[in-house]
Amino acid sequence: ESGLATFRDADGIWARVRIEDVATPEAFARDPERVHDFYNTRRAGLAS
């Protein structure tokens, strides 16, 4: 209700982005720029 998306709702974060692509150590080792982009977007949203 503060405007932050949940994870496991039908319209949540994991319905739009694959966990394996942005939220594992392996994802960061494979494509750190993509992981940074994902968390940069979330960080900017929280700071808005």
ModelCIF file with pLDDT and N, C-alpha, C, O atoms, coordinates in Angstrom:
data_MODEL
#
_entry.id   MODEL 
#
_entity.id                         1 
_entity.type                       polymer 
_entity.pdbx_number_of_molecules   1 
#
_entity_poly.entity_id                      1 
_entity_poly.type                           'polypeptide(L)' 
_entity_poly.nstd_linkage                   no 
_entity_poly.nstd_monomer                   no 
_entity_poly.pdbx_seq_one_letter_code       ESGLATFRDADGIWARVRIEDVATPEAFARDPERVHDFYNTRRAGLAS 
_entity_poly.pdbx_seq_one_letter_code_can   ESGLATFRDADGIWARVRIEDVATPEAFARDPERVHDFYNTRRAGLAS 
_entity_poly.pdbx_strand_id                 A 
#
loop_
_entity_poly_seq.entity_id 
_entity_poly_seq.num 
_entity_poly_seq.mon_id 
_entity_poly_seq.hetero 
1 1  GLU n 
1 2  SER n 
1 3  GLY n 
1 4  LEU n 
1 5  ALA n 
1 6  THR n 
1 7  PHE n 
1 8  ARG n 
1 9  ASP n 
1 10 ALA n 
1 11 ASP n 
1 12 GLY n 
1 13 ILE n 
1 14 TRP n 
1 15 ALA n 
1 16 ARG n 
1 17 VAL n 
1 18 ARG n 
1 19 ILE n 
1 20 GLU n 
1 21 ASP n 
1 22 VAL n 
1 23 ALA n 
1 24 THR n 
1 25 PRO n 
1 26 GLU n 
1 27 ALA n 
1 28 PHE n 
1 29 ALA n 
1 30 ARG n 
1 31 ASP n 
1 32 PRO n 
1 33 GLU n 
1 34 ARG n 
1 35 VAL n 
1 36 HIS n 
1 37 ASP n 
1 38 PHE n 
1 39 TYR n 
1 40 ASN n 
1 41 THR n 
1 42 ARG n 
1 43 ARG n 
1 44 ALA n 
1 45 GLY n 
1 46 LEU n 
1 47 ALA n 
1 48 SER n 
#
_struct_asym.id          A 
_struct_asym.entity_id   1 
#
loop_
_ma_qa_metric.id 
_ma_qa_metric.mode 
_ma_qa_metric.name 
_ma_qa_metric.software_group_id 
_ma_qa_metric.type 
1 global pLDDT . pLDDT 
2 local  pLDDT . pLDDT 
#
_ma_qa_metric_global.metric_id      1 
_ma_qa_metric_global.metric_value   80.98 
_ma_qa_metric_global.model_id       1 
_ma_qa_metric_global.ordinal_id     1 
#
loop_
_ma_qa_metric_local.label_asym_id 
_ma_qa_metric_local.label_comp_id 
_ma_qa_metric_local.label_seq_id 
_ma_qa_metric_local.metric_id 
_ma_qa_metric_local.metric_value 
_ma_qa_metric_local.model_id 
_ma_qa_metric_local.ordinal_id 
A GLU 1  2 91.00 1 1  
A SER 2  2 92.00 1 2  
A GLY 3  2 86.00 1 3  
A LEU 4  2 82.00 1 4  
A ALA 5  2 70.00 1 5  
A THR 6  2 61.00 1 6  
A PHE 7  2 56.00 1 7  
A ARG 8  2 54.00 1 8  
A ASP 9  2 51.00 1 9  
A ALA 10 2 50.00 1 10 
A ASP 11 2 56.00 1 11 
A GLY 12 2 49.00 1 12 
A ILE 13 2 62.00 1 13 
A TRP 14 2 49.00 1 14 
A ALA 15 2 51.00 1 15 
A ARG 16 2 70.00 1 16 
A VAL 17 2 69.00 1 17 
A ARG 18 2 78.00 1 18 
A ILE 19 2 79.00 1 19 
A GLU 20 2 81.00 1 20 
A ASP 21 2 85.00 1 21 
A VAL 22 2 87.00 1 22 
A ALA 23 2 90.00 1 23 
A THR 24 2 93.00 1 24 
A PRO 25 2 94.00 1 25 
A GLU 26 2 95.00 1 26 
A ALA 27 2 94.00 1 27 
A PHE 28 2 94.00 1 28 
A ALA 29 2 94.00 1 29 
A ARG 30 2 93.00 1 30 
A ASP 31 2 93.00 1 31 
A PRO 32 2 94.00 1 32 
A GLU 33 2 95.00 1 33 
A ARG 34 2 91.00 1 34 
A VAL 35 2 93.00 1 35 
A HIS 36 2 94.00 1 36 
A ASP 37 2 91.00 1 37 
A PHE 38 2 92.00 1 38 
A TYR 39 2 93.00 1 39 
A ASN 40 2 94.00 1 40 
A THR 41 2 90.00 1 41 
A ARG 42 2 90.00 1 42 
A ARG 43 2 92.00 1 43 
A ALA 44 2 91.00 1 44 
A GLY 45 2 87.00 1 45 
A LEU 46 2 89.00 1 46 
A ALA 47 2 83.00 1 47 
A SER 48 2 79.00 1 48 
#
loop_
_atom_site.group_PDB 
_atom_site.id 
_atom_site.type_symbol 
_atom_site.label_atom_id 
_atom_site.label_alt_id 
_atom_site.label_comp_id 
_atom_site.label_asym_id 
_atom_site.label_entity_id 
_atom_site.label_seq_id 
_atom_site.pdbx_PDB_ins_code 
_atom_site.Cartn_x 
_atom_site.Cartn_y 
_atom_site.Cartn_z 
_atom_site.occupancy 
_atom_site.B_iso_or_equiv 
_atom_site.pdbx_formal_charge 
_atom_site.auth_seq_id 
_atom_site.auth_comp_id 
_atom_site.auth_asym_id 
_atom_site.auth_atom_id 
_atom_site.pdbx_PDB_model_num 
ATOM 1   N N  . GLU A 1 1  ? 0.819  -1.216  0.000   1.00 91.00 ? 1  GLU A N  1 
ATOM 2   C CA . GLU A 1 1  ? 0.000  0.000   0.000   1.00 91.00 ? 1  GLU A CA 1 
ATOM 3   C C  . GLU A 1 1  ? 0.855  1.269   0.000   1.00 91.00 ? 1  GLU A C  1 
ATOM 4   O O  . GLU A 1 1  ? 0.327  2.375   -0.115  1.00 91.00 ? 1  GLU A O  1 
ATOM 5   N N  . SER A 1 2  ? 2.161  1.111   0.128   1.00 92.00 ? 2  SER A N  1 
ATOM 6   C CA . SER A 1 2  ? 3.068  2.247   -0.024  1.00 92.00 ? 2  SER A CA 1 
ATOM 7   C C  . SER A 1 2  ? 3.504  2.420   -1.472  1.00 92.00 ? 2  SER A C  1 
ATOM 8   O O  . SER A 1 2  ? 4.227  3.358   -1.807  1.00 92.00 ? 2  SER A O  1 
ATOM 9   N N  . GLY A 1 3  ? 3.054  1.500   -2.331  1.00 86.00 ? 3  GLY A N  1 
ATOM 10  C CA . GLY A 1 3  ? 3.376  1.610   -3.745  1.00 86.00 ? 3  GLY A CA 1 
ATOM 11  C C  . GLY A 1 3  ? 4.470  0.691   -4.225  1.00 86.00 ? 3  GLY A C  1 
ATOM 12  O O  . GLY A 1 3  ? 4.902  0.802   -5.372  1.00 86.00 ? 3  GLY A O  1 
ATOM 13  N N  . LEU A 1 4  ? 4.938  -0.225  -3.374  1.00 82.00 ? 4  LEU A N  1 
ATOM 14  C CA . LEU A 1 4  ? 5.976  -1.166  -3.769  1.00 82.00 ? 4  LEU A CA 1 
ATOM 15  C C  . LEU A 1 4  ? 5.348  -2.493  -4.176  1.00 82.00 ? 4  LEU A C  1 
ATOM 16  O O  . LEU A 1 4  ? 4.461  -3.004  -3.492  1.00 82.00 ? 4  LEU A O  1 
ATOM 17  N N  . ALA A 1 5  ? 5.806  -3.041  -5.275  1.00 70.00 ? 5  ALA A N  1 
ATOM 18  C CA . ALA A 1 5  ? 5.247  -4.292  -5.788  1.00 70.00 ? 5  ALA A CA 1 
ATOM 19  C C  . ALA A 1 5  ? 5.619  -5.461  -4.888  1.00 70.00 ? 5  ALA A C  1 
ATOM 20  O O  . ALA A 1 5  ? 6.714  -5.506  -4.328  1.00 70.00 ? 5  ALA A O  1 
ATOM 21  N N  . THR A 1 6  ? 4.692  -6.407  -4.754  1.00 61.00 ? 6  THR A N  1 
ATOM 22  C CA . THR A 1 6  ? 5.011  -7.659  -4.082  1.00 61.00 ? 6  THR A CA 1 
ATOM 23  C C  . THR A 1 6  ? 5.728  -8.573  -5.073  1.00 61.00 ? 6  THR A C  1 
ATOM 24  O O  . THR A 1 6  ? 5.957  -8.200  -6.224  1.00 61.00 ? 6  THR A O  1 
ATOM 25  N N  . PHE A 1 7  ? 6.077  -9.763  -4.615  1.00 56.00 ? 7  PHE A N  1 
ATOM 26  C CA . PHE A 1 7  ? 6.837  -10.682 -5.474  1.00 56.00 ? 7  PHE A CA 1 
ATOM 27  C C  . PHE A 1 7  ? 5.975  -11.773 -6.079  1.00 56.00 ? 7  PHE A C  1 
ATOM 28  O O  . PHE A 1 7  ? 6.121  -12.086 -7.261  1.00 56.00 ? 7  PHE A O  1 
ATOM 29  N N  . ARG A 1 8  ? 5.077  -12.360 -5.293  1.00 54.00 ? 8  ARG A N  1 
ATOM 30  C CA . ARG A 1 8  ? 4.427  -13.585 -5.713  1.00 54.00 ? 8  ARG A CA 1 
ATOM 31  C C  . ARG A 1 8  ? 2.955  -13.411 -6.073  1.00 54.00 ? 8  ARG A C  1 
ATOM 32  O O  . ARG A 1 8  ? 2.278  -14.393 -6.377  1.00 54.00 ? 8  ARG A O  1 
ATOM 33  N N  . ASP A 1 9  ? 2.450  -12.188 -6.044  1.00 51.00 ? 9  ASP A N  1 
ATOM 34  C CA . ASP A 1 9  ? 1.103  -11.947 -6.557  1.00 51.00 ? 9  ASP A CA 1 
ATOM 35  C C  . ASP A 1 9  ? 1.093  -12.192 -8.065  1.00 51.00 ? 9  ASP A C  1 
ATOM 36  O O  . ASP A 1 9  ? 2.142  -12.275 -8.704  1.00 51.00 ? 9  ASP A O  1 
ATOM 37  N N  . ALA A 1 10 ? -0.128 -12.308 -8.622  1.00 50.00 ? 10 ALA A N  1 
ATOM 38  C CA . ALA A 1 10 ? -0.253 -12.547 -10.063 1.00 50.00 ? 10 ALA A CA 1 
ATOM 39  C C  . ALA A 1 10 ? 0.421  -11.451 -10.875 1.00 50.00 ? 10 ALA A C  1 
ATOM 40  O O  . ALA A 1 10 ? 0.936  -11.706 -11.963 1.00 50.00 ? 10 ALA A O  1 
ATOM 41  N N  . ASP A 1 11 ? 0.418  -10.232 -10.347 1.00 56.00 ? 11 ASP A N  1 
ATOM 42  C CA . ASP A 1 11 ? 1.056  -9.111  -11.042 1.00 56.00 ? 11 ASP A CA 1 
ATOM 43  C C  . ASP A 1 11 ? 2.353  -8.690  -10.355 1.00 56.00 ? 11 ASP A C  1 
ATOM 44  O O  . ASP A 1 11 ? 2.820  -7.568  -10.547 1.00 56.00 ? 11 ASP A O  1 
ATOM 45  N N  . GLY A 1 12 ? 2.934  -9.581  -9.558  1.00 49.00 ? 12 GLY A N  1 
ATOM 46  C CA . GLY A 1 12 ? 4.126  -9.259  -8.787  1.00 49.00 ? 12 GLY A CA 1 
ATOM 47  C C  . GLY A 1 12 ? 5.397  -9.277  -9.616  1.00 49.00 ? 12 GLY A C  1 
ATOM 48  O O  . GLY A 1 12 ? 5.375  -9.545  -10.818 1.00 49.00 ? 12 GLY A O  1 
ATOM 49  N N  . ILE A 1 13 ? 6.513  -8.983  -8.942  1.00 62.00 ? 13 ILE A N  1 
ATOM 50  C CA . ILE A 1 13 ? 7.801  -8.855  -9.620  1.00 62.00 ? 13 ILE A CA 1 
ATOM 51  C C  . ILE A 1 13 ? 8.201  -10.147 -10.329 1.00 62.00 ? 13 ILE A C  1 
ATOM 52  O O  . ILE A 1 13 ? 8.695  -10.108 -11.455 1.00 62.00 ? 13 ILE A O  1 
ATOM 53  N N  . TRP A 1 14 ? 7.988  -11.297 -9.674  1.00 49.00 ? 14 TRP A N  1 
ATOM 54  C CA . TRP A 1 14 ? 8.442  -12.552 -10.278 1.00 49.00 ? 14 TRP A CA 1 
ATOM 55  C C  . TRP A 1 14 ? 7.519  -13.029 -11.392 1.00 49.00 ? 14 TRP A C  1 
ATOM 56  O O  . TRP A 1 14 ? 7.813  -14.030 -12.047 1.00 49.00 ? 14 TRP A O  1 
ATOM 57  N N  . ALA A 1 15 ? 6.413  -12.335 -11.619 1.00 51.00 ? 15 ALA A N  1 
ATOM 58  C CA . ALA A 1 15 ? 5.590  -12.619 -12.795 1.00 51.00 ? 15 ALA A CA 1 
ATOM 59  C C  . ALA A 1 15 ? 6.128  -11.908 -14.030 1.00 51.00 ? 15 ALA A C  1 
ATOM 60  O O  . ALA A 1 15 ? 5.772  -12.248 -15.158 1.00 51.00 ? 15 ALA A O  1 
ATOM 61  N N  . ARG A 1 16 ? 6.991  -10.916 -13.806 1.00 70.00 ? 16 ARG A N  1 
ATOM 62  C CA . ARG A 1 16 ? 7.509  -10.111 -14.911 1.00 70.00 ? 16 ARG A CA 1 
ATOM 63  C C  . ARG A 1 16 ? 8.985  -10.359 -15.198 1.00 70.00 ? 16 ARG A C  1 
ATOM 64  O O  . ARG A 1 16 ? 9.455  -10.152 -16.317 1.00 70.00 ? 16 ARG A O  1 
ATOM 65  N N  . VAL A 1 17 ? 9.717  -10.809 -14.165 1.00 69.00 ? 17 VAL A N  1 
ATOM 66  C CA . VAL A 1 17 ? 11.159 -11.011 -14.296 1.00 69.00 ? 17 VAL A CA 1 
ATOM 67  C C  . VAL A 1 17 ? 11.511 -12.389 -13.738 1.00 69.00 ? 17 VAL A C  1 
ATOM 68  O O  . VAL A 1 17 ? 11.011 -12.783 -12.685 1.00 69.00 ? 17 VAL A O  1 
ATOM 69  N N  . ARG A 1 18 ? 12.362 -13.108 -14.437 1.00 78.00 ? 18 ARG A N  1 
ATOM 70  C CA . ARG A 1 18 ? 12.780 -14.427 -13.971 1.00 78.00 ? 18 ARG A CA 1 
ATOM 71  C C  . ARG A 1 18 ? 13.785 -14.310 -12.823 1.00 78.00 ? 18 ARG A C  1 
ATOM 72  O O  . ARG A 1 18 ? 14.781 -13.592 -12.916 1.00 78.00 ? 18 ARG A O  1 
ATOM 73  N N  . ILE A 1 19 ? 13.495 -15.037 -11.736 1.00 79.00 ? 19 ILE A N  1 
ATOM 74  C CA . ILE A 1 19 ? 14.408 -15.062 -10.601 1.00 79.00 ? 19 ILE A CA 1 
ATOM 75  C C  . ILE A 1 19 ? 15.819 -15.406 -11.056 1.00 79.00 ? 19 ILE A C  1 
ATOM 76  O O  . ILE A 1 19 ? 16.794 -14.800 -10.613 1.00 79.00 ? 19 ILE A O  1 
ATOM 77  N N  . GLU A 1 20 ? 15.912 -16.393 -11.950 1.00 81.00 ? 20 GLU A N  1 
ATOM 78  C CA . GLU A 1 20 ? 17.217 -16.883 -12.392 1.00 81.00 ? 20 GLU A CA 1 
ATOM 79  C C  . GLU A 1 20 ? 18.034 -15.831 -13.138 1.00 81.00 ? 20 GLU A C  1 
ATOM 80  O O  . GLU A 1 20 ? 19.248 -15.973 -13.290 1.00 81.00 ? 20 GLU A O  1 
ATOM 81  N N  . ASP A 1 21 ? 17.365 -14.779 -13.600 1.00 85.00 ? 21 ASP A N  1 
ATOM 82  C CA . ASP A 1 21 ? 18.056 -13.751 -14.381 1.00 85.00 ? 21 ASP A CA 1 
ATOM 83  C C  . ASP A 1 21 ? 18.585 -12.596 -13.537 1.00 85.00 ? 21 ASP A C  1 
ATOM 84  O O  . ASP A 1 21 ? 19.514 -11.901 -13.951 1.00 85.00 ? 21 ASP A O  1 
ATOM 85  N N  . VAL A 1 22 ? 18.001 -12.384 -12.353 1.00 87.00 ? 22 VAL A N  1 
ATOM 86  C CA . VAL A 1 22 ? 18.355 -11.168 -11.601 1.00 87.00 ? 22 VAL A CA 1 
ATOM 87  C C  . VAL A 1 22 ? 18.582 -11.379 -10.115 1.00 87.00 ? 22 VAL A C  1 
ATOM 88  O O  . VAL A 1 22 ? 19.047 -10.458 -9.443  1.00 87.00 ? 22 VAL A O  1 
ATOM 89  N N  . ALA A 1 23 ? 18.277 -12.543 -9.574  1.00 90.00 ? 23 ALA A N  1 
ATOM 90  C CA . ALA A 1 23 ? 18.287 -12.679 -8.115  1.00 90.00 ? 23 ALA A CA 1 
ATOM 91  C C  . ALA A 1 23 ? 18.994 -13.941 -7.639  1.00 90.00 ? 23 ALA A C  1 
ATOM 92  O O  . ALA A 1 23 ? 18.554 -14.578 -6.682  1.00 90.00 ? 23 ALA A O  1 
ATOM 93  N N  . THR A 1 24 ? 20.083 -14.302 -8.300  1.00 93.00 ? 24 THR A N  1 
ATOM 94  C CA . THR A 1 24 ? 20.927 -15.409 -7.856  1.00 93.00 ? 24 THR A CA 1 
ATOM 95  C C  . THR A 1 24 ? 22.386 -15.008 -8.023  1.00 93.00 ? 24 THR A C  1 
ATOM 96  O O  . THR A 1 24 ? 22.696 -14.142 -8.841  1.00 93.00 ? 24 THR A O  1 
ATOM 97  N N  . PRO A 1 25 ? 23.284 -15.620 -7.263  1.00 94.00 ? 25 PRO A N  1 
ATOM 98  C CA . PRO A 1 25 ? 24.715 -15.346 -7.473  1.00 94.00 ? 25 PRO A CA 1 
ATOM 99  C C  . PRO A 1 25 ? 25.154 -15.693 -8.896  1.00 94.00 ? 25 PRO A C  1 
ATOM 100 O O  . PRO A 1 25 ? 26.018 -15.028 -9.468  1.00 94.00 ? 25 PRO A O  1 
ATOM 101 N N  . GLU A 1 26 ? 24.553 -16.738 -9.457  1.00 95.00 ? 26 GLU A N  1 
ATOM 102 C CA . GLU A 1 26 ? 24.910 -17.151 -10.811 1.00 95.00 ? 26 GLU A CA 1 
ATOM 103 C C  . GLU A 1 26 ? 24.511 -16.093 -11.836 1.00 95.00 ? 26 GLU A C  1 
ATOM 104 O O  . GLU A 1 26 ? 25.226 -15.856 -12.809 1.00 95.00 ? 26 GLU A O  1 
ATOM 105 N N  . ALA A 1 27 ? 23.352 -15.454 -11.604 1.00 94.00 ? 27 ALA A N  1 
ATOM 106 C CA . ALA A 1 27 ? 22.918 -14.392 -12.514 1.00 94.00 ? 27 ALA A CA 1 
ATOM 107 C C  . ALA A 1 27 ? 23.890 -13.220 -12.480 1.00 94.00 ? 27 ALA A C  1 
ATOM 108 O O  . ALA A 1 27 ? 24.188 -12.625 -13.515 1.00 94.00 ? 27 ALA A O  1 
ATOM 109 N N  . PHE A 1 28 ? 24.383 -12.892 -11.290 1.00 94.00 ? 28 PHE A N  1 
ATOM 110 C CA . PHE A 1 28 ? 25.325 -11.778 -11.176 1.00 94.00 ? 28 PHE A CA 1 
ATOM 111 C C  . PHE A 1 28 ? 26.659 -12.117 -11.842 1.00 94.00 ? 28 PHE A C  1 
ATOM 112 O O  . PHE A 1 28 ? 27.279 -11.262 -12.474 1.00 94.00 ? 28 PHE A O  1 
ATOM 113 N N  . ALA A 1 29 ? 27.090 -13.356 -11.698 1.00 94.00 ? 29 ALA A N  1 
ATOM 114 C CA . ALA A 1 29 ? 28.340 -13.766 -12.344 1.00 94.00 ? 29 ALA A CA 1 
ATOM 115 C C  . ALA A 1 29 ? 28.197 -13.785 -13.859 1.00 94.00 ? 29 ALA A C  1 
ATOM 116 O O  . ALA A 1 29 ? 29.143 -13.472 -14.581 1.00 94.00 ? 29 ALA A O  1 
ATOM 117 N N  . ARG A 1 30 ? 27.014 -14.153 -14.336 1.00 93.00 ? 30 ARG A N  1 
ATOM 118 C CA . ARG A 1 30 ? 26.778 -14.282 -15.781 1.00 93.00 ? 30 ARG A CA 1 
ATOM 119 C C  . ARG A 1 30 ? 26.536 -12.940 -16.455 1.00 93.00 ? 30 ARG A C  1 
ATOM 120 O O  . ARG A 1 30 ? 27.067 -12.675 -17.534 1.00 93.00 ? 30 ARG A O  1 
ATOM 121 N N  . ASP A 1 31 ? 25.729 -12.088 -15.814 1.00 93.00 ? 31 ASP A N  1 
ATOM 122 C CA . ASP A 1 31 ? 25.343 -10.822 -16.435 1.00 93.00 ? 31 ASP A CA 1 
ATOM 123 C C  . ASP A 1 31 ? 25.161 -9.751  -15.362 1.00 93.00 ? 31 ASP A C  1 
ATOM 124 O O  . ASP A 1 31 ? 24.032 -9.362  -15.062 1.00 93.00 ? 31 ASP A O  1 
ATOM 125 N N  . PRO A 1 32 ? 26.257 -9.273  -14.784 1.00 94.00 ? 32 PRO A N  1 
ATOM 126 C CA . PRO A 1 32 ? 26.150 -8.303  -13.688 1.00 94.00 ? 32 PRO A CA 1 
ATOM 127 C C  . PRO A 1 32 ? 25.457 -7.012  -14.091 1.00 94.00 ? 32 PRO A C  1 
ATOM 128 O O  . PRO A 1 32 ? 24.780 -6.398  -13.265 1.00 94.00 ? 32 PRO A O  1 
ATOM 129 N N  . GLU A 1 33 ? 25.609 -6.585  -15.341 1.00 95.00 ? 33 GLU A N  1 
ATOM 130 C CA . GLU A 1 33 ? 24.964 -5.338  -15.758 1.00 95.00 ? 33 GLU A CA 1 
ATOM 131 C C  . GLU A 1 33 ? 23.440 -5.462  -15.703 1.00 95.00 ? 33 GLU A C  1 
ATOM 132 O O  . GLU A 1 33 ? 22.756 -4.521  -15.297 1.00 95.00 ? 33 GLU A O  1 
ATOM 133 N N  . ARG A 1 34 ? 22.909 -6.606  -16.107 1.00 91.00 ? 34 ARG A N  1 
ATOM 134 C CA . ARG A 1 34 ? 21.471 -6.801  -16.042 1.00 91.00 ? 34 ARG A CA 1 
ATOM 135 C C  . ARG A 1 34 ? 20.984 -6.791  -14.590 1.00 91.00 ? 34 ARG A C  1 
ATOM 136 O O  . ARG A 1 34 ? 19.947 -6.206  -14.278 1.00 91.00 ? 34 ARG A O  1 
ATOM 137 N N  . VAL A 1 35 ? 21.741 -7.441  -13.714 1.00 93.00 ? 35 VAL A N  1 
ATOM 138 C CA . VAL A 1 35 ? 21.372 -7.455  -12.299 1.00 93.00 ? 35 VAL A CA 1 
ATOM 139 C C  . VAL A 1 35 ? 21.424 -6.045  -11.731 1.00 93.00 ? 35 VAL A C  1 
ATOM 140 O O  . VAL A 1 35 ? 20.520 -5.634  -11.003 1.00 93.00 ? 35 VAL A O  1 
ATOM 141 N N  . HIS A 1 36 ? 22.474 -5.302  -12.057 1.00 94.00 ? 36 HIS A N  1 
ATOM 142 C CA . HIS A 1 36 ? 22.556 -3.919  -11.589 1.00 94.00 ? 36 HIS A CA 1 
ATOM 143 C C  . HIS A 1 36 ? 21.384 -3.093  -12.111 1.00 94.00 ? 36 HIS A C  1 
ATOM 144 O O  . HIS A 1 36 ? 20.820 -2.298  -11.360 1.00 94.00 ? 36 HIS A O  1 
ATOM 145 N N  . ASP A 1 37 ? 21.009 -3.255  -13.356 1.00 91.00 ? 37 ASP A N  1 
ATOM 146 C CA . ASP A 1 37 ? 19.886 -2.497  -13.911 1.00 91.00 ? 37 ASP A CA 1 
ATOM 147 C C  . ASP A 1 37 ? 18.602 -2.779  -13.145 1.00 91.00 ? 37 ASP A C  1 
ATOM 148 O O  . ASP A 1 37 ? 17.830 -1.863  -12.861 1.00 91.00 ? 37 ASP A O  1 
ATOM 149 N N  . PHE A 1 38 ? 18.371 -4.051  -12.808 1.00 92.00 ? 38 PHE A N  1 
ATOM 150 C CA . PHE A 1 38 ? 17.172 -4.438  -12.073 1.00 92.00 ? 38 PHE A CA 1 
ATOM 151 C C  . PHE A 1 38 ? 17.127 -3.760  -10.709 1.00 92.00 ? 38 PHE A C  1 
ATOM 152 O O  . PHE A 1 38 ? 16.104 -3.188  -10.335 1.00 92.00 ? 38 PHE A O  1 
ATOM 153 N N  . TYR A 1 39 ? 18.219 -3.819  -9.972  1.00 93.00 ? 39 TYR A N  1 
ATOM 154 C CA . TYR A 1 39 ? 18.232 -3.228  -8.633  1.00 93.00 ? 39 TYR A CA 1 
ATOM 155 C C  . TYR A 1 39 ? 18.348 -1.707  -8.675  1.00 93.00 ? 39 TYR A C  1 
ATOM 156 O O  . TYR A 1 39 ? 17.871 -1.033  -7.762  1.00 93.00 ? 39 TYR A O  1 
ATOM 157 N N  . ASN A 1 40 ? 18.964 -1.159  -9.702  1.00 94.00 ? 40 ASN A N  1 
ATOM 158 C CA . ASN A 1 40 ? 18.983 0.301   -9.842  1.00 94.00 ? 40 ASN A CA 1 
ATOM 159 C C  . ASN A 1 40 ? 17.571 0.836   -10.006 1.00 94.00 ? 40 ASN A C  1 
ATOM 160 O O  . ASN A 1 40 ? 17.220 1.867   -9.432  1.00 94.00 ? 40 ASN A O  1 
ATOM 161 N N  . THR A 1 41 ? 16.756 0.131   -10.793 1.00 90.00 ? 41 THR A N  1 
ATOM 162 C CA . THR A 1 41 ? 15.361 0.555   -10.988 1.00 90.00 ? 41 THR A CA 1 
ATOM 163 C C  . THR A 1 41 ? 14.595 0.478   -9.679  1.00 90.00 ? 41 THR A C  1 
ATOM 164 O O  . THR A 1 41 ? 13.833 1.389   -9.355  1.00 90.00 ? 41 THR A O  1 
ATOM 165 N N  . ARG A 1 42 ? 14.787 -0.590  -8.928  1.00 90.00 ? 42 ARG A N  1 
ATOM 166 C CA . ARG A 1 42 ? 14.091 -0.736  -7.648  1.00 90.00 ? 42 ARG A CA 1 
ATOM 167 C C  . ARG A 1 42 ? 14.580 0.298   -6.637  1.00 90.00 ? 42 ARG A C  1 
ATOM 168 O O  . ARG A 1 42 ? 13.784 0.834   -5.866  1.00 90.00 ? 42 ARG A O  1 
ATOM 169 N N  . ARG A 1 43 ? 15.879 0.580   -6.634  1.00 92.00 ? 43 ARG A N  1 
ATOM 170 C CA . ARG A 1 43 ? 16.429 1.566   -5.703  1.00 92.00 ? 43 ARG A CA 1 
ATOM 171 C C  . ARG A 1 43 ? 15.876 2.953   -6.009  1.00 92.00 ? 43 ARG A C  1 
ATOM 172 O O  . ARG A 1 43 ? 15.529 3.703   -5.097  1.00 92.00 ? 43 ARG A O  1 
ATOM 173 N N  . ALA A 1 44 ? 15.795 3.291   -7.292  1.00 91.00 ? 44 ALA A N  1 
ATOM 174 C CA . ALA A 1 44 ? 15.255 4.599   -7.681  1.00 91.00 ? 44 ALA A CA 1 
ATOM 175 C C  . ALA A 1 44 ? 13.788 4.717   -7.300  1.00 91.00 ? 44 ALA A C  1 
ATOM 176 O O  . ALA A 1 44 ? 13.338 5.779   -6.871  1.00 91.00 ? 44 ALA A O  1 
ATOM 177 N N  . GLY A 1 45 ? 13.041 3.629   -7.455  1.00 87.00 ? 45 GLY A N  1 
ATOM 178 C CA . GLY A 1 45 ? 11.631 3.653   -7.077  1.00 87.00 ? 45 GLY A CA 1 
ATOM 179 C C  . GLY A 1 45 ? 11.442 3.855   -5.592  1.00 87.00 ? 45 GLY A C  1 
ATOM 180 O O  . GLY A 1 45 ? 10.548 4.588   -5.170  1.00 87.00 ? 45 GLY A O  1 
ATOM 181 N N  . LEU A 1 46 ? 12.287 3.204   -4.784  1.00 89.00 ? 46 LEU A N  1 
ATOM 182 C CA . LEU A 1 46 ? 12.193 3.350   -3.333  1.00 89.00 ? 46 LEU A CA 1 
ATOM 183 C C  . LEU A 1 46 ? 12.548 4.760   -2.897  1.00 89.00 ? 46 LEU A C  1 
ATOM 184 O O  . LEU A 1 46 ? 11.974 5.283   -1.942  1.00 89.00 ? 46 LEU A O  1 
ATOM 185 N N  . ALA A 1 47 ? 13.495 5.379   -3.596  1.00 83.00 ? 47 ALA A N  1 
ATOM 186 C CA . ALA A 1 47 ? 13.941 6.727   -3.230  1.00 83.00 ? 47 ALA A CA 1 
ATOM 187 C C  . ALA A 1 47 ? 13.021 7.823   -3.751  1.00 83.00 ? 47 ALA A C  1 
ATOM 188 O O  . ALA A 1 47 ? 13.177 8.989   -3.388  1.00 83.00 ? 47 ALA A O  1 
ATOM 189 N N  . SER A 1 48 ? 12.062 7.457   -4.602  1.00 79.00 ? 48 SER A N  1 
ATOM 190 C CA . SER A 1 48 ? 11.165 8.473   -5.152  1.00 79.00 ? 48 SER A CA 1 
ATOM 191 C C  . SER A 1 48 ? 10.265 9.031   -4.056  1.00 79.00 ? 48 SER A C  1 
ATOM 192 O O  . SER A 1 48 ? 9.436  9.901   -4.322  1.00 79.00 ? 48 SER A O  1 
#
